[in-house]
Amino acid sequence: NEKILNERISNEKIPNKRIICELYIRNLDITGQGTVGLEFQAKGEFRIMLSSKECQSYGKTNALVLDIGENITRFRKRNNNDKDDILASTKKHKALLDKKVKRLYWFSLDKKNRRLRYGKGPMQSLLTIFSYDFPPKPSKGIDKYAWIENLRYIAVCGISQEDLNEKSVELKFWSLPVTVDLPPYVIRHKDATLTVLETGKATVIDNLPEECQMLYGNVAGIALNTPDFSDFSDAIECSINTPGMICYEKLKKKSSTFGTPNPKRTYLRVTLGEDQGNSPGVPFVLEIWPSGHYSPIHSHSDSFAIIKVLYNEIVARYYTGLNPEDQKCYNEVIFKQDQITWISDKLYQTHQLYNHTGKMCVTIQCYQYGEKDNDHYEYFDYINDGNIIQNFRPNADWTFSEFKRLIRNEWEEYKYITDKYSSQSKRRNWLFTKRR
């Protein structure tokens, strides 16, 4: 037990025994590769260790160690405090311990590319803070780092079994190392090219989680303007920009939805179908983004999603989390009309959408909880004006059938009045009468 281990370590006269004591938690799925993550609010220095044996090393056997401290972070080749066993170190602020906030720290071992990576937040290459490349395998002679291919057992140091039992520390594991990120763009199979494969700028739906694959088929072929309402987009644009019309008035009422009144921090939600109990709110949502409007930075209840741009284009900004310290985006992408993106419980979960164009944008979103999600958290969390995390229930402004009917009637009436009254003043009088 931990008491006996500490006594034995003390007898070995190894300094900082709390850090040296190894608590084994599980195995890598594939020997010599994988990614280990710990999500928690750290109280002090801790280590993540990969070993070839499931026993205390006492700092005497080869192992790989990520040692995260308040003033310095190191990669070590043995679990001790010997300077000679440090592979690399950094004092970059980003790489240091964050005692004030809950954070996901991850450690990636890549035996094929002989690379170590450490990052915070989602397990993505873009979020690598610190890395180390082992020397290439020698063409002749002994490979002094051949042992990294035999590492299998995962241990933590500086974290107690009690913390793990109480689930104040959440463990996350990937069987693969962090290498090339799955891009946010999803393309059709027929649009995949050799260049796309080489650059990794887009992916096909087959590479995404099963939940995303299921959702993709529902929206991939959807269009906004259809033969029965070919100028639907024009009608919505008119309704947004014309006082007295339904979109304009609804947006005005929603200016305080996320805190202090802010007319630009609004958008419209039109739901399709009903809540089926497997998503945060109704699974299919048409979102309408007027020119210059944006969402708060928000997360998606650990759900999966597919998003398609039906009209114009929109900017997506991605964040590592909702802490005030995380409000600088790590990636910004523009999705144009007919392009599709995705969200999983692990990747692209926290974002902000922003319409940077001079016209409105329309997207279709569809959501689903993961198969192993038994919590079904019903809210989207967001950051308010005071940098406090709050939540909102993703409700509807209208159902789709109601919205389409209202917009169509409004549009037909507007076109009739426009033809009837050539002057703007007469049209304004009509709108004033309509509002009353």
Protein backbone atom coordinates (compact mmCIF):
# COMPACT_ATOMS: atom_id res chain seq x y z
CA ASN A 1 0.00 0.00 0.00
CA GLU A 2 0.94 3.67 -0.22
CA LYS A 3 2.32 3.83 3.36
CA ILE A 4 4.68 0.87 2.84
CA LEU A 5 5.82 2.24 -0.51
CA ASN A 6 6.65 5.62 0.99
CA GLU A 7 8.66 3.95 3.78
CA ARG A 8 10.65 1.91 1.24
CA ILE A 9 11.24 4.98 -0.91
CA SER A 10 12.36 6.93 2.17
CA ASN A 11 14.88 4.19 2.99
CA GLU A 12 16.28 4.57 -0.54
CA LYS A 13 16.95 8.24 0.35
CA ILE A 14 15.18 9.52 -2.77
CA PRO A 15 14.04 13.16 -2.37
CA ASN A 16 10.43 14.24 -2.91
CA LYS A 17 9.00 10.79 -2.17
CA ARG A 18 5.36 11.88 -2.76
CA ILE A 19 6.15 12.38 -6.42
CA ILE A 20 8.16 9.18 -6.80
CA CYS A 21 5.47 6.81 -5.47
CA GLU A 22 3.81 5.14 -8.49
CA LEU A 23 0.10 4.32 -8.59
CA TYR A 24 -0.67 2.05 -11.53
CA ILE A 25 -4.08 2.71 -13.09
CA ARG A 26 -4.33 0.67 -16.31
CA ASN A 27 -2.48 -0.53 -19.44
CA LEU A 28 -1.97 1.00 -22.86
CA ASP A 29 -4.18 -0.74 -25.43
CA ILE A 30 -1.19 -1.05 -27.77
CA THR A 31 2.29 -1.53 -26.32
CA GLY A 32 4.52 1.46 -27.05
CA GLN A 33 1.86 3.91 -28.14
CA GLY A 34 -1.20 5.77 -26.93
CA THR A 35 -2.37 8.92 -25.19
CA VAL A 36 -3.12 9.27 -21.48
CA GLY A 37 -5.14 12.18 -20.08
CA LEU A 38 -5.95 13.36 -16.56
CA GLU A 39 -8.70 15.95 -16.15
CA PHE A 40 -8.80 17.57 -12.72
CA GLN A 41 -7.90 20.63 -10.68
CA ALA A 42 -4.33 19.85 -9.67
CA LYS A 43 -3.28 20.60 -6.09
CA GLY A 44 0.43 20.31 -6.78
CA GLU A 45 3.12 18.77 -8.94
CA PHE A 46 2.25 15.39 -10.46
CA ARG A 47 3.61 12.89 -12.98
CA ILE A 48 2.28 10.53 -15.63
CA MET A 49 4.52 7.51 -16.15
CA LEU A 50 4.73 4.74 -18.76
CA SER A 51 6.61 1.60 -17.74
CA SER A 52 7.37 -1.88 -19.06
CA LYS A 53 6.63 -3.45 -15.65
CA GLU A 54 3.72 -2.99 -13.27
CA CYS A 55 5.80 -2.46 -10.16
CA GLN A 56 7.59 0.34 -8.33
CA SER A 57 10.65 1.41 -10.31
CA TYR A 58 12.31 3.45 -7.51
CA GLY A 59 13.79 5.55 -10.30
CA LYS A 60 16.19 2.78 -11.32
CA THR A 61 14.56 1.33 -14.46
CA ASN A 62 13.82 2.85 -17.85
CA ALA A 63 10.43 4.53 -18.10
CA LEU A 64 8.94 7.62 -19.69
CA VAL A 65 7.72 10.31 -17.33
CA LEU A 66 5.86 13.56 -17.87
CA ASP A 67 6.67 15.65 -14.79
CA ILE A 68 4.39 18.72 -14.56
CA GLY A 69 5.34 21.35 -11.99
CA GLU A 70 4.48 24.91 -11.05
CA ASN A 71 7.81 26.31 -12.29
CA ILE A 72 9.10 23.73 -14.76
CA THR A 73 7.81 20.75 -16.75
CA ARG A 74 10.06 17.88 -17.85
CA PHE A 75 10.20 14.67 -19.83
CA ARG A 76 12.24 12.07 -17.93
CA LYS A 77 13.58 8.64 -18.88
CA ARG A 78 13.42 7.37 -15.30
CA ASN A 79 11.06 8.21 -12.47
CA ASN A 80 13.51 10.03 -10.22
CA ASN A 81 14.88 13.52 -9.66
CA ASP A 82 18.25 12.93 -11.32
CA LYS A 83 19.27 15.70 -13.73
CA ASP A 84 20.98 13.14 -15.95
CA ASP A 85 17.64 11.43 -16.61
CA ILE A 86 15.91 14.55 -17.95
CA LEU A 87 15.21 14.24 -21.69
CA ALA A 88 13.89 17.80 -22.09
CA SER A 89 12.42 20.58 -19.99
CA THR A 90 10.49 23.81 -20.44
CA LYS A 91 9.52 26.80 -18.32
CA LYS A 92 6.93 28.09 -20.78
CA HIS A 93 3.91 29.35 -18.85
CA LYS A 94 1.50 27.26 -20.95
CA ALA A 95 3.32 24.07 -19.99
CA LEU A 96 3.14 24.63 -16.23
CA LEU A 97 0.65 23.44 -13.64
CA ASP A 98 -2.70 25.28 -13.45
CA LYS A 99 -3.80 25.11 -9.81
CA LYS A 100 -6.70 27.54 -10.21
CA VAL A 101 -8.77 25.64 -12.78
CA LYS A 102 -9.86 22.17 -13.82
CA ARG A 103 -7.73 21.12 -16.77
CA LEU A 104 -7.15 18.12 -19.04
CA TYR A 105 -3.41 17.27 -19.15
CA TRP A 106 -2.39 14.65 -21.73
CA PHE A 107 0.76 12.67 -22.50
CA SER A 108 1.27 10.98 -25.88
CA LEU A 109 3.78 8.26 -26.78
CA ASP A 110 4.38 7.57 -30.48
CA LYS A 111 6.77 4.64 -30.94
CA LYS A 112 6.68 4.73 -34.75
CA ASN A 113 7.68 8.38 -35.02
CA ARG A 114 9.71 8.14 -31.78
CA ARG A 115 8.01 11.19 -30.32
CA LEU A 116 6.62 12.39 -26.98
CA ARG A 117 3.95 15.06 -26.82
CA TYR A 118 2.31 16.91 -23.96
CA GLY A 119 -0.69 19.20 -24.19
CA LYS A 120 -3.67 20.68 -22.37
CA GLY A 121 -7.29 20.55 -23.47
CA PRO A 122 -8.58 18.34 -26.29
CA MET A 123 -6.11 15.68 -27.43
CA GLN A 124 -5.09 17.43 -30.65
CA SER A 125 -1.74 18.06 -32.31
CA LEU A 126 -2.66 21.75 -32.54
CA LEU A 127 -2.70 21.86 -28.74
CA THR A 128 0.73 20.33 -28.22
CA ILE A 129 2.64 22.51 -25.75
CA PHE A 130 5.85 20.54 -25.39
CA SER A 131 7.37 17.69 -27.42
CA TYR A 132 10.51 15.59 -27.65
CA ASP A 133 11.84 13.51 -30.56
CA PHE A 134 14.10 10.58 -29.78
CA PRO A 135 17.15 10.14 -32.03
CA PRO A 136 16.45 8.07 -35.18
CA LYS A 137 17.07 4.35 -35.00
CA PRO A 138 20.71 3.69 -35.88
CA SER A 139 21.26 1.73 -39.09
CA LYS A 140 23.91 -0.29 -37.26
CA GLY A 141 24.65 -1.02 -33.64
CA ILE A 142 22.49 -0.77 -30.55
CA ASP A 143 19.38 1.39 -30.32
CA LYS A 144 19.64 2.80 -26.80
CA TYR A 145 15.96 3.77 -26.85
CA ALA A 146 14.57 0.48 -28.16
CA TRP A 147 12.90 0.01 -24.76
CA ILE A 148 10.23 2.65 -25.51
CA GLU A 149 8.51 0.08 -27.74
CA ASN A 150 7.92 -2.17 -24.69
CA LEU A 151 6.17 0.40 -22.49
CA ARG A 152 2.71 -0.76 -21.53
CA TYR A 153 1.72 0.14 -17.97
CA ILE A 154 0.36 3.55 -16.95
CA ALA A 155 1.06 5.02 -13.52
CA VAL A 156 0.49 8.38 -11.87
CA CYS A 157 2.53 10.02 -9.14
CA GLY A 158 1.37 12.76 -6.79
CA ILE A 159 -2.27 11.65 -7.11
CA SER A 160 -3.90 9.44 -4.48
CA GLN A 161 -6.14 6.43 -4.88
CA GLU A 162 -8.75 8.38 -2.92
CA ASP A 163 -8.79 11.08 -5.62
CA LEU A 164 -9.37 8.41 -8.25
CA ASN A 165 -12.06 6.66 -6.21
CA GLU A 166 -13.94 9.90 -5.62
CA LYS A 167 -13.68 10.70 -9.34
CA SER A 168 -12.17 14.11 -8.67
CA VAL A 169 -9.66 12.98 -11.31
CA GLU A 170 -11.18 11.89 -14.63
CA LEU A 171 -9.05 9.50 -16.67
CA LYS A 172 -9.07 9.61 -20.48
CA PHE A 173 -7.31 7.18 -22.81
CA TRP A 174 -6.72 6.90 -26.55
CA SER A 175 -5.20 3.81 -28.08
CA LEU A 176 -3.36 5.98 -30.64
CA PRO A 177 -0.79 8.74 -30.15
CA VAL A 178 -1.55 12.36 -30.99
CA THR A 179 -0.25 12.75 -34.55
CA VAL A 180 -2.33 14.28 -37.35
CA ASP A 181 -5.58 15.89 -36.21
CA LEU A 182 -8.88 14.90 -37.76
CA PRO A 183 -9.82 18.13 -39.60
CA PRO A 184 -13.14 19.89 -38.99
CA TYR A 185 -14.12 19.71 -42.69
CA VAL A 186 -16.15 16.70 -43.86
CA ILE A 187 -16.22 16.08 -47.63
CA ARG A 188 -18.12 13.70 -49.86
CA HIS A 189 -16.35 10.53 -51.00
CA LYS A 190 -16.32 11.74 -54.60
CA ASP A 191 -14.55 14.95 -53.54
CA ALA A 192 -11.67 13.12 -51.86
CA THR A 193 -8.40 13.45 -53.79
CA LEU A 194 -4.80 12.39 -53.39
CA THR A 195 -3.97 15.95 -52.36
CA VAL A 196 -6.65 15.89 -49.65
CA LEU A 197 -5.21 12.62 -48.32
CA GLU A 198 -1.70 14.07 -48.34
CA THR A 199 -2.52 17.40 -46.67
CA GLY A 200 -5.18 16.12 -44.26
CA LYS A 201 -7.23 19.29 -44.75
CA ALA A 202 -10.52 17.38 -44.87
CA THR A 203 -11.91 13.98 -43.95
CA VAL A 204 -14.70 11.69 -45.09
CA ILE A 205 -17.51 10.68 -42.79
CA ASP A 206 -16.20 7.10 -42.43
CA ASN A 207 -13.30 8.39 -40.29
CA LEU A 208 -15.58 10.00 -37.71
CA PRO A 209 -17.27 8.45 -34.66
CA GLU A 210 -20.28 6.24 -35.31
CA GLU A 211 -22.64 8.83 -33.82
CA CYS A 212 -21.49 11.42 -36.37
CA GLN A 213 -21.88 8.92 -39.20
CA MET A 214 -25.50 8.34 -38.19
CA LEU A 215 -26.24 12.07 -38.10
CA TYR A 216 -24.48 12.84 -41.38
CA GLY A 217 -26.99 10.97 -43.52
CA ASN A 218 -29.82 13.11 -42.16
CA VAL A 219 -28.47 16.46 -43.33
CA ALA A 220 -25.88 15.86 -46.07
CA GLY A 221 -28.41 16.40 -48.87
CA ILE A 222 -30.48 19.16 -47.24
CA ALA A 223 -30.97 22.52 -49.04
CA LEU A 224 -32.62 25.73 -47.82
CA ASN A 225 -34.23 26.95 -51.04
CA THR A 226 -36.50 24.28 -52.51
CA PRO A 227 -38.85 24.23 -55.54
CA ASP A 228 -41.87 24.98 -53.34
CA PHE A 229 -40.15 28.08 -51.85
CA SER A 230 -37.25 29.02 -54.12
CA ASP A 231 -36.71 32.44 -52.51
CA PHE A 232 -36.86 31.23 -48.90
CA SER A 233 -33.44 32.77 -48.17
CA ASP A 234 -34.50 36.16 -49.57
CA ALA A 235 -37.65 36.06 -47.46
CA ILE A 236 -35.66 35.34 -44.28
CA GLU A 237 -33.17 38.12 -45.08
CA CYS A 238 -36.02 40.55 -45.59
CA SER A 239 -37.63 39.50 -42.30
CA ILE A 240 -34.34 40.03 -40.43
CA ASN A 241 -33.77 43.52 -41.80
CA THR A 242 -37.32 44.91 -41.78
CA PRO A 243 -38.78 46.37 -38.57
CA GLY A 244 -42.12 44.81 -37.78
CA MET A 245 -41.33 41.48 -39.40
CA ILE A 246 -41.05 38.34 -37.28
CA CYS A 247 -37.28 37.77 -37.40
CA TYR A 248 -36.44 41.41 -36.71
CA GLU A 249 -38.79 41.55 -33.72
CA LYS A 250 -37.71 38.18 -32.32
CA LEU A 251 -34.03 39.14 -32.47
CA LYS A 252 -34.79 42.38 -30.65
CA LYS A 253 -36.47 40.42 -27.83
CA LYS A 254 -33.49 38.05 -27.54
CA SER A 255 -30.81 40.72 -27.02
CA SER A 256 -30.51 39.85 -23.30
CA THR A 257 -30.52 36.06 -23.69
CA PHE A 258 -26.87 35.69 -22.66
CA GLY A 259 -26.58 38.56 -20.18
CA THR A 260 -26.16 42.28 -20.74
CA PRO A 261 -28.26 43.43 -23.73
CA ASN A 262 -26.22 42.87 -26.89
CA PRO A 263 -28.14 42.92 -30.20
CA LYS A 264 -25.24 41.27 -32.05
CA ARG A 265 -25.02 38.29 -29.66
CA THR A 266 -28.25 36.78 -30.94
CA TYR A 267 -29.38 34.20 -33.46
CA LEU A 268 -32.60 32.34 -34.24
CA ARG A 269 -33.34 28.66 -33.54
CA VAL A 270 -35.95 26.82 -35.58
CA THR A 271 -36.48 23.19 -34.56
CA LEU A 272 -37.48 20.31 -36.83
CA GLY A 273 -39.40 17.39 -35.32
CA GLU A 274 -39.59 16.72 -31.60
CA ASP A 275 -37.22 15.88 -28.76
CA GLN A 276 -36.48 12.15 -28.99
CA GLY A 277 -34.70 11.93 -25.63
CA ASN A 278 -31.22 11.35 -27.08
CA SER A 279 -29.95 14.91 -27.61
CA PRO A 280 -29.77 18.26 -25.81
CA GLY A 281 -33.16 19.53 -26.97
CA VAL A 282 -34.70 18.72 -30.36
CA PRO A 283 -32.02 16.92 -32.44
CA PHE A 284 -32.49 18.96 -35.65
CA VAL A 285 -32.18 22.74 -35.52
CA LEU A 286 -32.10 25.39 -38.21
CA GLU A 287 -29.97 28.28 -36.94
CA ILE A 288 -30.20 31.71 -38.55
CA TRP A 289 -27.28 34.11 -38.15
CA PRO A 290 -27.85 37.75 -39.21
CA SER A 291 -24.89 39.71 -40.59
CA GLY A 292 -22.36 40.47 -37.84
CA HIS A 293 -24.10 38.31 -35.24
CA TYR A 294 -22.39 35.66 -33.14
CA SER A 295 -22.91 33.16 -30.33
CA PRO A 296 -21.22 33.23 -26.93
CA ILE A 297 -18.37 30.77 -26.48
CA HIS A 298 -20.23 27.58 -25.58
CA SER A 299 -19.90 23.80 -25.24
CA HIS A 300 -22.28 21.09 -26.40
CA SER A 301 -23.15 18.82 -23.44
CA ASP A 302 -20.51 16.28 -24.53
CA SER A 303 -22.82 15.44 -27.43
CA PHE A 304 -21.98 14.59 -31.04
CA ALA A 305 -23.08 16.84 -33.89
CA ILE A 306 -23.03 17.40 -37.63
CA ILE A 307 -23.42 20.97 -38.93
CA LYS A 308 -24.04 21.96 -42.55
CA VAL A 309 -24.02 25.49 -43.95
CA LEU A 310 -27.19 25.87 -46.03
CA TYR A 311 -26.75 29.50 -47.03
CA ASN A 312 -23.77 31.89 -47.21
CA GLU A 313 -20.85 31.11 -44.83
CA ILE A 314 -19.87 31.22 -41.16
CA VAL A 315 -16.73 31.38 -39.00
CA ALA A 316 -16.15 28.75 -36.31
CA ARG A 317 -13.68 29.56 -33.55
CA TYR A 318 -12.51 26.65 -31.39
CA TYR A 319 -11.50 26.84 -27.71
CA THR A 320 -9.92 24.44 -25.24
CA GLY A 321 -12.65 25.01 -22.65
CA LEU A 322 -14.86 27.53 -20.89
CA ASN A 323 -12.44 28.82 -18.26
CA PRO A 324 -11.71 32.57 -18.48
CA GLU A 325 -8.09 31.61 -19.24
CA ASP A 326 -9.26 29.69 -22.32
CA GLN A 327 -10.91 32.56 -24.18
CA LYS A 328 -8.26 32.77 -26.88
CA CYS A 329 -9.26 30.48 -29.74
CA TYR A 330 -6.70 27.91 -30.91
CA ASN A 331 -8.20 27.49 -34.38
CA GLU A 332 -10.48 29.53 -36.66
CA VAL A 333 -12.16 28.05 -39.72
CA ILE A 334 -14.56 29.42 -42.36
CA PHE A 335 -17.28 27.06 -43.56
CA LYS A 336 -18.88 28.03 -46.86
CA GLN A 337 -22.26 27.09 -48.29
CA ASP A 338 -22.80 23.30 -48.51
CA GLN A 339 -19.72 22.57 -46.39
CA ILE A 340 -20.11 20.27 -43.38
CA THR A 341 -18.35 20.10 -40.03
CA TRP A 342 -18.62 17.89 -36.95
CA ILE A 343 -18.39 17.79 -33.15
CA SER A 344 -17.62 14.85 -30.88
CA ASP A 345 -17.54 14.38 -27.13
CA LYS A 346 -13.74 14.77 -27.27
CA LEU A 347 -13.02 17.11 -30.21
CA TYR A 348 -14.33 20.52 -31.34
CA GLN A 349 -16.71 20.50 -28.35
CA THR A 350 -16.30 24.19 -27.44
CA HIS A 351 -16.72 26.86 -30.10
CA GLN A 352 -18.14 30.21 -31.09
CA LEU A 353 -19.96 30.81 -34.38
CA TYR A 354 -19.75 34.22 -36.06
CA ASN A 355 -21.27 35.55 -39.28
CA HIS A 356 -18.59 37.86 -40.64
CA THR A 357 -20.36 38.59 -43.94
CA GLY A 358 -22.84 41.24 -45.06
CA LYS A 359 -25.69 38.75 -45.46
CA MET A 360 -27.43 36.36 -43.13
CA CYS A 361 -26.21 32.76 -42.80
CA VAL A 362 -28.29 29.62 -42.21
CA THR A 363 -26.98 26.34 -40.81
CA ILE A 364 -28.61 23.02 -40.00
CA GLN A 365 -27.34 21.33 -36.83
CA CYS A 366 -28.15 17.84 -35.61
CA TYR A 367 -27.17 16.46 -32.20
CA GLN A 368 -26.97 13.10 -30.44
CA TYR A 369 -25.62 11.87 -27.12
CA GLY A 370 -22.95 9.18 -27.20
CA GLU A 371 -23.86 5.54 -26.66
CA LYS A 372 -22.06 5.49 -23.29
CA ASP A 373 -23.52 8.81 -22.10
CA ASN A 374 -25.97 8.04 -19.29
CA ASP A 375 -26.12 11.59 -17.92
CA HIS A 376 -27.86 13.30 -20.88
CA TYR A 377 -26.99 16.80 -19.69
CA GLU A 378 -29.77 18.96 -21.21
CA TYR A 379 -27.98 22.31 -21.36
CA PHE A 380 -25.29 24.10 -23.35
CA ASP A 381 -22.77 25.83 -21.08
CA TYR A 382 -21.43 29.25 -22.04
CA ILE A 383 -19.31 32.12 -20.69
CA ASN A 384 -21.31 35.19 -19.64
CA ASP A 385 -20.20 38.84 -19.48
CA GLY A 386 -18.66 38.33 -16.05
CA ASN A 387 -16.53 35.37 -17.21
CA ILE A 388 -18.79 33.02 -15.27
CA ILE A 389 -19.90 29.70 -16.75
CA GLN A 390 -23.68 29.52 -17.06
CA ASN A 391 -26.06 27.29 -19.00
CA PHE A 392 -28.99 27.68 -21.34
CA ARG A 393 -31.55 25.17 -22.50
CA PRO A 394 -31.52 24.94 -26.33
CA ASN A 395 -35.17 25.89 -26.88
CA ALA A 396 -36.93 26.87 -30.10
CA ASP A 397 -38.05 30.26 -31.35
CA TRP A 398 -40.38 28.45 -33.78
CA THR A 399 -40.98 25.00 -35.16
CA PHE A 400 -39.97 24.69 -38.80
CA SER A 401 -43.50 24.27 -40.16
CA GLU A 402 -44.65 27.32 -38.20
CA PHE A 403 -41.64 29.38 -39.25
CA LYS A 404 -41.93 28.52 -42.94
CA ARG A 405 -45.64 29.33 -42.95
CA LEU A 406 -45.12 32.69 -41.22
CA ILE A 407 -42.20 33.65 -43.44
CA ARG A 408 -44.05 32.67 -46.60
CA ASN A 409 -47.15 34.66 -45.66
CA GLU A 410 -45.04 37.63 -44.62
CA TRP A 411 -42.99 37.46 -47.81
CA GLU A 412 -46.01 37.27 -50.11
CA GLU A 413 -47.60 40.18 -48.30
CA TYR A 414 -44.38 42.18 -48.49
CA LYS A 415 -43.99 41.57 -52.23
CA TYR A 416 -47.59 42.60 -52.79
CA ILE A 417 -47.18 45.83 -50.82
CA THR A 418 -43.86 46.55 -52.57
CA ASP A 419 -45.57 46.28 -55.94
CA LYS A 420 -48.54 48.31 -54.75
CA TYR A 421 -46.64 51.10 -53.03
CA SER A 422 -43.65 52.34 -54.95
CA SER A 423 -42.48 54.85 -52.34
CA GLN A 424 -40.63 53.85 -49.19
CA SER A 425 -42.77 56.13 -47.03
CA LYS A 426 -45.94 54.26 -47.99
CA ARG A 427 -44.26 50.94 -47.29
CA ARG A 428 -43.16 52.24 -43.89
CA ASN A 429 -46.74 53.25 -43.13
CA TRP A 430 -47.88 49.73 -44.03
CA LEU A 431 -45.26 48.21 -41.74
CA PHE A 432 -46.24 50.56 -38.91
CA THR A 433 -49.87 49.50 -39.33
CA LYS A 434 -48.79 45.83 -39.42
CA ARG A 435 -46.91 46.18 -36.11
CA ARG A 436 -49.99 47.64 -34.46
